[in-house]
Amino acid sequence: MKLKDKWKRGLPYVGNKGQKVEQIMETLPDGKRLVDVFGGGGCVSLTAASSGKYEEVIYNDKMKTVVELLISLVNDEPHFNLMDYVALTREQFVDWRDNKPDSIERTLVLIAYSFGNSQSGYLWSKKNEEKKLLLTKALFYGNTGTEFDQLYSYSLNANTISDKYRLFHKWRREQMNIDSRFDQLEQMERLKQMERLQQPQQLQQLKYSTKDYRELVINNDDVVYCDPPYVGTKNYYGGFDHKAFENWYLHECPAKDIYISEYTKLPYTEVAFDLGKKKNFSGAGKRRNELLLRVVR
């Protein structure tokens, strides 16, 4: 994805389709309306709404504050100064998670600072936390009392998270003896992704919804795209009834064109496109190919 288009990746979110969205869009048929049933970080909806392929795109996710966060960033209203969130400790994260009421700001913090974007566990292990925060504070505030405070003056004229992070990598390449654990500041990558969304886009086609998938009003001629929790994977947001979902797409959803992202071929589907493996530079272990399935009934 070209740099100018990376805002379409939406929120850094579990299962984000940023690496596969162009293949998905090429495979989905044209239509008057696309319904993104499990919208998540919004990547498919944002790409579809900016493609001119559909007259209307429905971005739906039942997690209301996730939808509200995406709306706020895309419209830049209310404006979030993402610089305020660059260096949150484990204690602050846990306080937001356990003690603060559900809100757009809470969702922002939990997405930016959770391991695997799960909104549950803190991003870094205790072994790495201190050094990661030390470098972040040196970069943005220059108040650590260490040699790393040189970073603050090095990046003083950078006014965005993206620019500061770019200069950090330039500085790091010049420092041959820097600990390899400073290779990447994951929270900065996520905040940078949100920052790209704050450049208001013309997305009149995009409509927002916060319904359970079974409550959506879907038309016969809609193109329906589903990215539910995958079979056999950890579901961070409570249990997902796969049998109920199968009954819905087989019997209840009136649309003729229903597509589902999955690792596993589901009953009454065929493989419309094999999307291949998702690249993960920080994770370990084997990854399965992601499939784009078409419902056949």
Protein backbone atom coordinates (compact mmCIF):
# COMPACT_ATOMS: atom_id res chain seq x y z
CA MET A 1 0.00 0.00 0.00
CA LYS A 2 1.40 3.40 -0.98
CA LEU A 3 2.15 5.85 1.83
CA LYS A 4 -0.56 8.26 0.68
CA ASP A 5 -3.15 5.47 0.95
CA LYS A 6 -2.15 4.06 4.33
CA TRP A 7 -4.91 5.97 6.12
CA LYS A 8 -7.23 3.36 4.59
CA ARG A 9 -5.79 0.77 6.99
CA GLY A 10 -8.07 2.27 9.62
CA LEU A 11 -7.49 1.48 13.27
CA PRO A 12 -4.72 -0.88 14.40
CA TYR A 13 -7.05 -3.72 15.31
CA VAL A 14 -7.21 -7.48 15.76
CA GLY A 15 -7.40 -9.09 12.31
CA ASN A 16 -6.81 -5.82 10.44
CA LYS A 17 -7.03 -6.51 6.70
CA GLY A 18 -4.55 -3.84 5.61
CA GLN A 19 -2.24 -6.38 3.96
CA LYS A 20 -5.05 -8.11 2.07
CA VAL A 21 -7.62 -5.39 1.43
CA GLU A 22 -6.75 -4.74 -2.20
CA GLN A 23 -7.13 -8.44 -3.05
CA ILE A 24 -10.42 -8.53 -1.16
CA MET A 25 -11.73 -5.48 -3.03
CA GLU A 26 -10.75 -6.95 -6.40
CA THR A 27 -12.65 -10.14 -5.59
CA LEU A 28 -15.84 -8.61 -4.17
CA PRO A 29 -18.41 -7.93 -6.90
CA ASP A 30 -19.57 -4.43 -7.77
CA GLY A 31 -22.87 -3.34 -6.34
CA LYS A 32 -25.00 -0.49 -5.13
CA ARG A 33 -24.20 -1.10 -1.46
CA LEU A 34 -21.51 -2.95 0.51
CA VAL A 35 -22.28 -4.03 4.07
CA ASP A 36 -19.13 -4.61 6.15
CA VAL A 37 -20.78 -6.69 8.87
CA PHE A 38 -17.88 -7.07 11.33
CA GLY A 39 -16.12 -3.81 10.51
CA GLY A 40 -13.41 -3.92 13.18
CA GLY A 41 -10.68 -1.40 12.40
CA GLY A 42 -12.54 -0.20 9.32
CA CYS A 43 -9.95 -1.07 6.67
CA VAL A 44 -12.37 -2.73 4.23
CA SER A 45 -15.02 -0.02 4.69
CA LEU A 46 -12.57 2.86 4.22
CA THR A 47 -11.06 1.29 1.12
CA ALA A 48 -14.47 0.49 -0.34
CA ALA A 49 -15.83 3.98 0.36
CA SER A 50 -12.87 5.62 -1.37
CA SER A 51 -12.83 3.22 -4.33
CA GLY A 52 -15.93 4.46 -6.15
CA LYS A 53 -17.04 0.83 -6.48
CA TYR A 54 -20.17 1.30 -4.34
CA GLU A 55 -22.71 4.08 -3.93
CA GLU A 56 -22.91 3.37 -0.20
CA VAL A 57 -20.78 1.47 2.30
CA ILE A 58 -22.07 0.41 5.73
CA TYR A 59 -19.33 0.06 8.33
CA ASN A 60 -20.81 -1.93 11.21
CA ASP A 61 -19.30 -3.11 14.46
CA LYS A 62 -21.20 -3.81 17.65
CA MET A 63 -18.41 -2.30 19.76
CA LYS A 64 -19.80 1.22 19.87
CA THR A 65 -16.70 3.06 21.08
CA VAL A 66 -14.58 1.47 18.32
CA VAL A 67 -16.98 2.88 15.74
CA GLU A 68 -17.04 6.24 17.53
CA LEU A 69 -13.23 6.34 17.62
CA LEU A 70 -13.01 5.72 13.88
CA ILE A 71 -15.61 8.43 13.21
CA SER A 72 -13.74 10.89 15.45
CA LEU A 73 -10.42 10.28 13.73
CA VAL A 74 -11.79 10.33 10.17
CA ASN A 75 -13.75 13.54 10.79
CA ASP A 76 -11.10 14.92 13.19
CA GLU A 77 -13.95 15.85 15.52
CA PRO A 78 -13.43 15.85 18.40
CA HIS A 79 -9.74 16.32 17.74
CA PHE A 80 -7.38 14.02 19.64
CA ASN A 81 -3.86 15.22 20.30
CA LEU A 82 -2.23 11.82 19.90
CA MET A 83 1.02 13.22 21.29
CA ASP A 84 -0.67 12.98 24.71
CA TYR A 85 -0.67 9.17 24.44
CA VAL A 86 2.89 8.38 23.42
CA ALA A 87 4.23 7.10 26.76
CA LEU A 88 1.71 5.28 28.95
CA THR A 89 2.96 2.96 31.67
CA ARG A 90 1.59 -0.46 32.51
CA GLU A 91 -0.10 1.02 35.60
CA GLN A 92 -1.83 3.70 33.52
CA PHE A 93 -2.97 1.11 30.99
CA VAL A 94 -4.43 -1.12 33.70
CA ASP A 95 -6.16 1.89 35.28
CA TRP A 96 -7.79 2.75 31.95
CA ARG A 97 -8.75 -0.89 31.42
CA ASP A 98 -10.13 -1.66 34.87
CA ASN A 99 -11.31 1.63 36.37
CA LYS A 100 -12.34 4.02 33.63
CA PRO A 101 -15.81 3.93 32.02
CA ASP A 102 -16.08 2.88 28.41
CA SER A 103 -15.29 5.86 26.15
CA ILE A 104 -13.57 6.80 22.91
CA GLU A 105 -10.42 7.79 24.80
CA ARG A 106 -10.35 4.52 26.75
CA THR A 107 -10.68 2.56 23.51
CA LEU A 108 -7.84 4.56 21.97
CA VAL A 109 -5.56 3.75 24.93
CA LEU A 110 -6.46 0.04 24.97
CA ILE A 111 -5.90 -0.37 21.24
CA ALA A 112 -2.59 1.52 21.24
CA TYR A 113 -1.12 -0.22 24.28
CA SER A 114 -2.41 -3.78 24.25
CA PHE A 115 -0.55 -6.88 23.16
CA GLY A 116 -1.86 -7.97 19.76
CA ASN A 117 -4.42 -5.13 19.87
CA SER A 118 -6.43 -7.35 22.22
CA GLN A 119 -7.44 -4.46 24.51
CA SER A 120 -6.60 -6.69 27.50
CA GLY A 121 -2.89 -7.31 28.20
CA TYR A 122 -0.21 -4.60 28.22
CA LEU A 123 1.90 -4.25 25.09
CA TRP A 124 5.36 -4.95 26.52
CA SER A 125 6.81 -7.50 28.88
CA LYS A 126 8.20 -6.15 32.15
CA LYS A 127 11.65 -6.93 30.80
CA ASN A 128 11.28 -4.47 27.90
CA GLU A 129 8.84 -1.94 29.32
CA GLU A 130 11.35 0.30 31.12
CA LYS A 131 13.68 0.71 28.15
CA LYS A 132 10.88 1.24 25.64
CA LEU A 133 9.32 3.99 27.78
CA LEU A 134 12.72 5.52 28.49
CA LEU A 135 13.41 5.98 24.80
CA THR A 136 9.90 7.27 24.10
CA LYS A 137 10.15 9.88 26.86
CA ALA A 138 13.59 10.92 25.65
CA LEU A 139 12.26 11.34 22.11
CA PHE A 140 9.17 13.39 23.05
CA TYR A 141 10.12 15.13 26.29
CA GLY A 142 13.91 14.96 26.73
CA ASN A 143 13.52 14.59 30.50
CA THR A 144 15.04 11.20 31.30
CA GLY A 145 18.44 12.43 32.50
CA THR A 146 20.14 9.89 30.22
CA GLU A 147 22.23 10.03 27.07
CA PHE A 148 19.07 9.36 25.08
CA ASP A 149 17.80 12.88 25.75
CA GLN A 150 19.86 13.92 22.74
CA LEU A 151 16.93 12.51 20.75
CA TYR A 152 14.72 15.39 21.86
CA SER A 153 16.88 18.07 20.25
CA TYR A 154 17.50 15.76 17.28
CA SER A 155 13.76 15.67 16.52
CA LEU A 156 12.74 19.04 17.98
CA ASN A 157 11.39 20.41 14.69
CA ALA A 158 9.28 17.31 13.98
CA ASN A 159 5.64 18.17 14.65
CA THR A 160 3.96 14.81 14.14
CA ILE A 161 4.36 11.33 15.58
CA SER A 162 5.22 10.06 12.09
CA ASP A 163 8.02 12.59 11.66
CA LYS A 164 9.46 11.96 15.11
CA TYR A 165 9.40 8.21 14.60
CA ARG A 166 11.10 8.59 11.21
CA LEU A 167 13.88 10.65 12.82
CA PHE A 168 14.15 8.11 15.63
CA HIS A 169 14.94 5.40 13.08
CA LYS A 170 17.43 7.66 11.34
CA TRP A 171 19.11 8.39 14.68
CA ARG A 172 19.14 4.71 15.60
CA ARG A 173 20.87 3.77 12.34
CA GLU A 174 23.59 6.27 13.20
CA GLN A 175 24.09 4.75 16.66
CA MET A 176 25.73 1.41 16.00
CA ASN A 177 25.68 0.32 19.65
CA ILE A 178 21.96 0.78 20.40
CA ASP A 179 20.21 -2.16 22.03
CA SER A 180 18.25 -4.22 19.47
CA ARG A 181 15.20 -4.00 21.75
CA PHE A 182 14.91 -0.40 20.56
CA ASP A 183 14.26 -1.58 16.99
CA GLN A 184 10.56 -0.82 17.18
CA LEU A 185 8.24 1.10 19.47
CA GLU A 186 4.96 -0.66 18.73
CA GLN A 187 2.75 1.96 20.36
CA MET A 188 4.27 4.55 18.02
CA GLU A 189 3.37 2.47 14.98
CA ARG A 190 -0.23 2.30 16.17
CA LEU A 191 -0.53 5.96 17.05
CA LYS A 192 1.06 6.81 13.71
CA GLN A 193 -1.63 4.75 11.99
CA MET A 194 -4.33 6.68 13.88
CA GLU A 195 -2.61 9.96 13.04
CA ARG A 196 -2.98 9.22 9.31
CA LEU A 197 -6.74 8.98 9.82
CA GLN A 198 -6.84 12.55 11.14
CA GLN A 199 -6.50 13.97 7.65
CA PRO A 200 -10.21 14.33 6.86
CA GLN A 201 -11.21 12.38 3.79
CA GLN A 202 -14.21 12.89 1.51
CA LEU A 203 -16.19 9.76 2.35
CA GLN A 204 -19.81 10.66 1.73
CA GLN A 205 -20.51 7.04 0.79
CA LEU A 206 -19.55 5.77 4.26
CA LYS A 207 -22.29 5.19 6.84
CA TYR A 208 -21.76 3.94 10.38
CA SER A 209 -23.65 1.32 12.38
CA THR A 210 -23.25 -0.36 15.80
CA LYS A 211 -25.66 -3.30 15.56
CA ASP A 212 -25.33 -7.00 16.20
CA TYR A 213 -24.97 -8.67 12.80
CA ARG A 214 -28.38 -10.34 13.16
CA GLU A 215 -30.07 -6.96 13.56
CA LEU A 216 -28.74 -5.44 10.33
CA VAL A 217 -31.23 -4.57 7.60
CA ILE A 218 -29.75 -6.15 4.49
CA ASN A 219 -31.19 -6.06 0.98
CA ASN A 220 -31.26 -8.79 -1.61
CA ASP A 221 -28.89 -6.90 -3.93
CA ASP A 222 -26.36 -5.88 -1.24
CA VAL A 223 -22.79 -7.17 -1.29
CA VAL A 224 -22.12 -8.52 2.20
CA TYR A 225 -18.60 -8.90 3.60
CA CYS A 226 -18.01 -10.68 6.91
CA ASP A 227 -14.79 -10.84 8.92
CA PRO A 228 -15.94 -12.61 12.10
CA PRO A 229 -13.70 -14.20 14.75
CA TYR A 230 -12.06 -17.11 12.98
CA VAL A 231 -12.90 -20.69 13.89
CA GLY A 232 -10.39 -22.10 16.39
CA THR A 233 -8.76 -18.78 17.24
CA LYS A 234 -8.87 -16.85 20.48
CA ASN A 235 -11.83 -14.49 20.64
CA TYR A 236 -10.82 -11.49 22.73
CA TYR A 237 -14.28 -9.97 22.93
CA GLY A 238 -16.39 -12.75 24.40
CA GLY A 239 -17.76 -15.93 22.90
CA PHE A 240 -18.80 -16.07 19.26
CA ASP A 241 -21.45 -18.59 18.23
CA HIS A 242 -20.23 -19.98 14.92
CA LYS A 243 -23.28 -22.19 14.48
CA ALA A 244 -25.57 -19.16 14.87
CA PHE A 245 -23.45 -17.30 12.31
CA GLU A 246 -23.72 -20.26 9.90
CA ASN A 247 -27.50 -20.27 10.31
CA TRP A 248 -27.57 -16.52 9.66
CA TYR A 249 -25.58 -16.54 6.41
CA LEU A 250 -27.32 -19.69 5.19
CA HIS A 251 -30.95 -18.95 6.07
CA GLU A 252 -31.49 -15.45 7.44
CA CYS A 253 -29.36 -13.07 5.39
CA PRO A 254 -31.26 -12.22 2.18
CA ALA A 255 -28.25 -11.05 0.16
CA LYS A 256 -27.20 -13.14 -2.83
CA ASP A 257 -23.53 -12.11 -2.58
CA ILE A 258 -22.07 -13.02 0.82
CA TYR A 259 -18.31 -13.24 1.35
CA ILE A 260 -16.48 -14.36 4.49
CA SER A 261 -12.84 -14.11 5.56
CA GLU A 262 -11.60 -17.22 7.37
CA TYR A 263 -8.71 -19.63 7.81
CA THR A 264 -11.04 -22.59 7.38
CA LYS A 265 -13.49 -23.42 4.60
CA LEU A 266 -16.94 -23.15 6.18
CA PRO A 267 -20.05 -25.23 5.36
CA TYR A 268 -21.87 -24.12 2.21
CA THR A 269 -18.98 -21.98 0.97
CA GLU A 270 -16.39 -22.11 -1.77
CA VAL A 271 -12.98 -20.45 -1.90
CA ALA A 272 -13.31 -17.26 -3.94
CA PHE A 273 -9.68 -16.29 -3.38
CA ASP A 274 -6.73 -17.63 -1.40
CA LEU A 275 -5.26 -14.49 0.17
CA GLY A 276 -2.11 -16.22 1.37
CA LYS A 277 -0.37 -15.76 4.71
CA LYS A 278 -0.41 -12.51 6.63
CA LYS A 279 3.09 -11.22 7.30
CA ASN A 280 3.96 -10.67 10.93
CA PHE A 281 7.42 -9.36 11.63
CA SER A 282 7.08 -9.45 15.42
CA GLY A 283 5.23 -12.71 15.99
CA ALA A 284 6.49 -16.27 16.00
CA GLY A 285 4.97 -19.52 14.81
CA LYS A 286 3.37 -20.70 11.60
CA ARG A 287 0.51 -18.81 10.01
CA ARG A 288 -2.22 -20.32 7.90
CA ASN A 289 -3.43 -18.94 4.61
CA GLU A 290 -6.35 -16.55 4.84
CA LEU A 291 -9.27 -17.43 2.61
CA LEU A 292 -11.99 -15.29 1.11
CA LEU A 293 -15.05 -17.53 0.96
CA ARG A 294 -18.21 -17.13 -1.09
CA VAL A 295 -21.44 -18.50 0.34
CA VAL A 296 -23.08 -21.08 -1.94
CA ARG A 297 -26.67 -22.07 -1.17
